PDB file of all heavy atoms in Angstrom:
ATOM      1  N   THR A   1      62.832  35.657  -2.465  1.00  0.00           N
ATOM      2  CA  THR A   1      61.998  36.689  -1.892  1.00  0.00           C
ATOM      3  C   THR A   1      60.529  36.511  -2.137  1.00  0.00           C
ATOM      4  O   THR A   1      59.663  37.003  -1.388  1.00  0.00           O
ATOM      5  CB  THR A   1      62.452  38.134  -2.357  1.00  0.00           C
ATOM      6  OG1 THR A   1      62.463  38.081  -3.744  1.00  0.00           O
ATOM      7  CG2 THR A   1      63.878  38.321  -1.831  1.00  0.00           C
ATOM      8  N   SER A   2      60.176  35.827  -3.182  1.00  0.00           N
ATOM      9  CA  SER A   2      58.705  35.520  -3.456  1.00  0.00           C
ATOM     10  C   SER A   2      58.667  34.244  -4.281  1.00  0.00           C
ATOM     11  O   SER A   2      59.615  33.915  -4.968  1.00  0.00           O
ATOM     12  CB  SER A   2      58.076  36.681  -4.225  1.00  0.00           C
ATOM     13  OG  SER A   2      58.698  36.842  -5.494  1.00  0.00           O
ATOM     14  N   ILE A   3      57.584  33.525  -4.038  1.00  0.00           N
ATOM     15  CA  ILE A   3      57.436  32.216  -4.694  1.00  0.00           C
ATOM     16  C   ILE A   3      55.988  32.101  -5.191  1.00  0.00           C
ATOM     17  O   ILE A   3      54.984  32.396  -4.456  1.00  0.00           O
ATOM     18  CB  ILE A   3      57.721  31.080  -3.721  1.00  0.00           C
ATOM     19  CG1 ILE A   3      59.211  31.146  -3.305  1.00  0.00           C
ATOM     20  CG2 ILE A   3      57.342  29.697  -4.334  1.00  0.00           C
ATOM     21  CD1 ILE A   3      59.638  30.168  -2.292  1.00  0.00           C
ATOM     22  N   ALA A   4      55.838  31.573  -6.430  1.00  0.00           N
ATOM     23  CA  ALA A   4      54.550  31.275  -6.983  1.00  0.00           C
ATOM     24  C   ALA A   4      54.599  29.727  -7.141  1.00  0.00           C
ATOM     25  O   ALA A   4      55.650  29.088  -7.398  1.00  0.00           O
ATOM     26  CB  ALA A   4      54.334  31.891  -8.307  1.00  0.00           C
ATOM     27  N   GLN A   5      53.430  29.085  -7.026  1.00  0.00           N
ATOM     28  CA  GLN A   5      53.363  27.625  -7.184  1.00  0.00           C
ATOM     29  C   GLN A   5      52.272  27.311  -8.249  1.00  0.00           C
ATOM     30  O   GLN A   5      51.258  28.007  -8.381  1.00  0.00           O
ATOM     31  CB  GLN A   5      52.974  26.965  -5.838  1.00  0.00           C
ATOM     32  CG  GLN A   5      53.948  27.020  -4.789  1.00  0.00           C
ATOM     33  CD  GLN A   5      53.537  26.366  -3.537  1.00  0.00           C
ATOM     34  OE1 GLN A   5      52.470  25.714  -3.395  1.00  0.00           O
ATOM     35  NE2 GLN A   5      54.343  26.555  -2.442  1.00  0.00           N
ATOM     36  N   ALA A   6      52.617  26.267  -8.995  1.00  0.00           N
ATOM     37  CA  ALA A   6      51.627  25.724  -9.985  1.00  0.00           C
ATOM     38  C   ALA A   6      51.691  24.201  -9.995  1.00  0.00           C
ATOM     39  O   ALA A   6      52.730  23.638  -9.805  1.00  0.00           O
ATOM     40  CB  ALA A   6      51.990  26.303 -11.360  1.00  0.00           C
ATOM     41  N   ASP A   7      50.535  23.563 -10.273  1.00  0.00           N
ATOM     42  CA  ASP A   7      50.542  22.141 -10.261  1.00  0.00           C
ATOM     43  C   ASP A   7      50.214  21.506 -11.582  1.00  0.00           C
ATOM     44  O   ASP A   7      50.107  20.300 -11.670  1.00  0.00           O
ATOM     45  CB  ASP A   7      49.614  21.577  -9.100  1.00  0.00           C
ATOM     46  CG  ASP A   7      48.155  21.947  -9.378  1.00  0.00           C
ATOM     47  OD1 ASP A   7      47.878  22.662 -10.329  1.00  0.00           O
ATOM     48  OD2 ASP A   7      47.355  21.509  -8.572  1.00  0.00           O
ATOM     49  N   THR A   8      50.134  22.330 -12.657  1.00  0.00           N
ATOM     50  CA  THR A   8      49.809  21.818 -13.950  1.00  0.00           C
ATOM     51  C   THR A   8      50.732  22.605 -14.937  1.00  0.00           C
ATOM     52  O   THR A   8      51.198  23.663 -14.651  1.00  0.00           O
ATOM     53  CB  THR A   8      48.352  22.030 -14.390  1.00  0.00           C
ATOM     54  OG1 THR A   8      48.079  23.445 -14.468  1.00  0.00           O
ATOM     55  CG2 THR A   8      47.404  21.400 -13.384  1.00  0.00           C
ATOM     56  N   GLU A   9      50.840  21.978 -16.150  1.00  0.00           N
ATOM     57  CA  GLU A   9      51.638  22.613 -17.188  1.00  0.00           C
ATOM     58  C   GLU A   9      51.057  23.994 -17.510  1.00  0.00           C
ATOM     59  O   GLU A   9      51.771  25.008 -17.623  1.00  0.00           O
ATOM     60  CB  GLU A   9      51.679  21.727 -18.370  1.00  0.00           C
ATOM     61  CG  GLU A   9      52.488  22.130 -19.489  1.00  0.00           C
ATOM     62  CD  GLU A   9      52.534  21.145 -20.678  1.00  0.00           C
ATOM     63  OE1 GLU A   9      52.502  19.925 -20.440  1.00  0.00           O
ATOM     64  OE2 GLU A   9      52.651  21.537 -21.877  1.00  0.00           O
ATOM     65  N   ALA A  10      49.723  24.076 -17.778  1.00  0.00           N
ATOM     66  CA  ALA A  10      49.113  25.314 -18.126  1.00  0.00           C
ATOM     67  C   ALA A  10      49.208  26.341 -17.022  1.00  0.00           C
ATOM     68  O   ALA A  10      49.400  27.510 -17.301  1.00  0.00           O
ATOM     69  CB  ALA A  10      47.631  25.052 -18.538  1.00  0.00           C
ATOM     70  N   GLY A  11      48.968  25.843 -15.780  1.00  0.00           N
ATOM     71  CA  GLY A  11      49.079  26.760 -14.637  1.00  0.00           C
ATOM     72  C   GLY A  11      50.445  27.353 -14.500  1.00  0.00           C
ATOM     73  O   GLY A  11      50.587  28.495 -14.106  1.00  0.00           O
ATOM     74  N   ALA A  12      51.496  26.589 -14.707  1.00  0.00           N
ATOM     75  CA  ALA A  12      52.839  27.002 -14.686  1.00  0.00           C
ATOM     76  C   ALA A  12      53.065  28.164 -15.621  1.00  0.00           C
ATOM     77  O   ALA A  12      53.694  29.145 -15.320  1.00  0.00           O
ATOM     78  CB  ALA A  12      53.805  25.886 -14.849  1.00  0.00           C
ATOM     79  N   VAL A  13      52.667  27.957 -16.893  1.00  0.00           N
ATOM     80  CA  VAL A  13      52.875  28.880 -17.920  1.00  0.00           C
ATOM     81  C   VAL A  13      52.139  30.296 -17.535  1.00  0.00           C
ATOM     82  O   VAL A  13      52.725  31.277 -17.683  1.00  0.00           O
ATOM     83  CB  VAL A  13      52.459  28.394 -19.333  1.00  0.00           C
ATOM     84  CG1 VAL A  13      52.591  29.544 -20.379  1.00  0.00           C
ATOM     85  CG2 VAL A  13      53.322  27.196 -19.759  1.00  0.00           C
ATOM     86  N   ALA A  14      50.926  30.043 -17.087  1.00  0.00           N
ATOM     87  CA  ALA A  14      50.168  31.313 -16.703  1.00  0.00           C
ATOM     88  C   ALA A  14      50.835  32.051 -15.611  1.00  0.00           C
ATOM     89  O   ALA A  14      50.954  33.271 -15.597  1.00  0.00           O
ATOM     90  CB  ALA A  14      48.750  30.911 -16.336  1.00  0.00           C
ATOM     91  N   ALA A  15      51.306  31.289 -14.550  1.00  0.00           N
ATOM     92  CA  ALA A  15      51.930  31.898 -13.424  1.00  0.00           C
ATOM     93  C   ALA A  15      53.214  32.627 -13.829  1.00  0.00           C
ATOM     94  O   ALA A  15      53.496  33.758 -13.373  1.00  0.00           O
ATOM     95  CB  ALA A  15      52.257  30.872 -12.316  1.00  0.00           C
ATOM     96  N   ALA A  16      53.965  32.072 -14.736  1.00  0.00           N
ATOM     97  CA  ALA A  16      55.226  32.666 -15.211  1.00  0.00           C
ATOM     98  C   ALA A  16      54.941  33.962 -16.043  1.00  0.00           C
ATOM     99  O   ALA A  16      55.694  34.912 -15.920  1.00  0.00           O
ATOM    100  CB  ALA A  16      56.056  31.655 -16.030  1.00  0.00           C
ATOM    101  N   LEU A  17      53.938  33.889 -16.843  1.00  0.00           N
ATOM    102  CA  LEU A  17      53.558  35.051 -17.646  1.00  0.00           C
ATOM    103  C   LEU A  17      53.031  36.168 -16.733  1.00  0.00           C
ATOM    104  O   LEU A  17      53.190  37.364 -17.006  1.00  0.00           O
ATOM    105  CB  LEU A  17      52.643  34.703 -18.735  1.00  0.00           C
ATOM    106  CG  LEU A  17      53.169  33.759 -19.815  1.00  0.00           C
ATOM    107  CD1 LEU A  17      52.091  33.463 -20.846  1.00  0.00           C
ATOM    108  CD2 LEU A  17      54.418  34.344 -20.474  1.00  0.00           C
ATOM    109  N   ASP A  18      52.368  35.816 -15.662  1.00  0.00           N
ATOM    110  CA  ASP A  18      51.819  36.816 -14.701  1.00  0.00           C
ATOM    111  C   ASP A  18      52.923  37.496 -13.894  1.00  0.00           C
ATOM    112  O   ASP A  18      52.887  38.715 -13.699  1.00  0.00           O
ATOM    113  CB  ASP A  18      50.828  36.088 -13.742  1.00  0.00           C
ATOM    114  CG  ASP A  18      50.217  37.097 -12.833  1.00  0.00           C
ATOM    115  OD1 ASP A  18      49.608  38.079 -13.253  1.00  0.00           O
ATOM    116  OD2 ASP A  18      50.226  36.820 -11.578  1.00  0.00           O
ATOM    117  N   GLN A  19      53.873  36.676 -13.449  1.00  0.00           N
ATOM    118  CA  GLN A  19      55.032  37.258 -12.689  1.00  0.00           C
ATOM    119  C   GLN A  19      56.270  36.449 -13.190  1.00  0.00           C
ATOM    120  O   GLN A  19      56.470  35.397 -12.640  1.00  0.00           O
ATOM    121  CB  GLN A  19      54.819  37.242 -11.229  1.00  0.00           C
ATOM    122  CG  GLN A  19      55.926  37.918 -10.476  1.00  0.00           C
ATOM    123  CD  GLN A  19      55.672  37.935  -8.997  1.00  0.00           C
ATOM    124  OE1 GLN A  19      54.673  37.436  -8.443  1.00  0.00           O
ATOM    125  NE2 GLN A  19      56.588  38.516  -8.259  1.00  0.00           N
ATOM    126  N   PRO A  20      57.030  36.948 -14.093  1.00  0.00           N
ATOM    127  CA  PRO A  20      58.200  36.226 -14.584  1.00  0.00           C
ATOM    128  C   PRO A  20      59.186  35.868 -13.495  1.00  0.00           C
ATOM    129  O   PRO A  20      59.602  36.651 -12.627  1.00  0.00           O
ATOM    130  CB  PRO A  20      58.897  37.192 -15.577  1.00  0.00           C
ATOM    131  CG  PRO A  20      57.779  38.063 -16.027  1.00  0.00           C
ATOM    132  CD  PRO A  20      56.854  38.247 -14.857  1.00  0.00           C
ATOM    133  N   PRO A  21      59.512  34.554 -13.401  1.00  0.00           N
ATOM    134  CA  PRO A  21      60.483  34.148 -12.318  1.00  0.00           C
ATOM    135  C   PRO A  21      61.914  34.302 -12.759  1.00  0.00           C
ATOM    136  O   PRO A  21      62.220  34.326 -13.952  1.00  0.00           O
ATOM    137  CB  PRO A  21      60.187  32.653 -12.289  1.00  0.00           C
ATOM    138  CG  PRO A  21      59.735  32.279 -13.610  1.00  0.00           C
ATOM    139  CD  PRO A  21      59.014  33.483 -14.139  1.00  0.00           C
ATOM    140  N   GLU A  22      62.819  34.450 -11.779  1.00  0.00           N
ATOM    141  CA  GLU A  22      64.270  34.462 -12.014  1.00  0.00           C
ATOM    142  C   GLU A  22      64.792  33.048 -12.031  1.00  0.00           C
ATOM    143  O   GLU A  22      65.862  32.782 -12.590  1.00  0.00           O
ATOM    144  CB  GLU A  22      64.939  35.293 -10.989  1.00  0.00           C
ATOM    145  CG  GLU A  22      64.928  36.779 -11.213  1.00  0.00           C
ATOM    146  CD  GLU A  22      63.584  37.397 -10.663  1.00  0.00           C
ATOM    147  OE1 GLU A  22      63.005  36.880  -9.749  1.00  0.00           O
ATOM    148  OE2 GLU A  22      63.202  38.475 -11.195  1.00  0.00           O
ATOM    149  N   VAL A  23      64.092  32.171 -11.338  1.00  0.00           N
ATOM    150  CA  VAL A  23      64.554  30.677 -11.223  1.00  0.00           C
ATOM    151  C   VAL A  23      63.265  29.913 -11.235  1.00  0.00           C
ATOM    152  O   VAL A  23      62.264  30.324 -10.636  1.00  0.00           O
ATOM    153  CB  VAL A  23      65.329  30.457  -9.891  1.00  0.00           C
ATOM    154  CG1 VAL A  23      65.633  28.943  -9.792  1.00  0.00           C
ATOM    155  CG2 VAL A  23      66.634  31.284  -9.858  1.00  0.00           C
ATOM    156  N   ILE A  24      63.299  28.748 -11.877  1.00  0.00           N
ATOM    157  CA  ILE A  24      62.162  27.779 -11.897  1.00  0.00           C
ATOM    158  C   ILE A  24      62.668  26.483 -11.274  1.00  0.00           C
ATOM    159  O   ILE A  24      63.732  26.019 -11.481  1.00  0.00           O
ATOM    160  CB  ILE A  24      61.720  27.474 -13.350  1.00  0.00           C
ATOM    161  CG1 ILE A  24      61.234  28.767 -14.063  1.00  0.00           C
ATOM    162  CG2 ILE A  24      60.646  26.363 -13.335  1.00  0.00           C
ATOM    163  CD1 ILE A  24      60.905  28.570 -15.488  1.00  0.00           C
TER     164      ILE A  24
END
């Protein structure tokens, strides 16, 4: 239903903490 994208290790962690994913 929604998707966040990240292209770096740090960006991925930040995106997950901003909106916790149900699946990675």
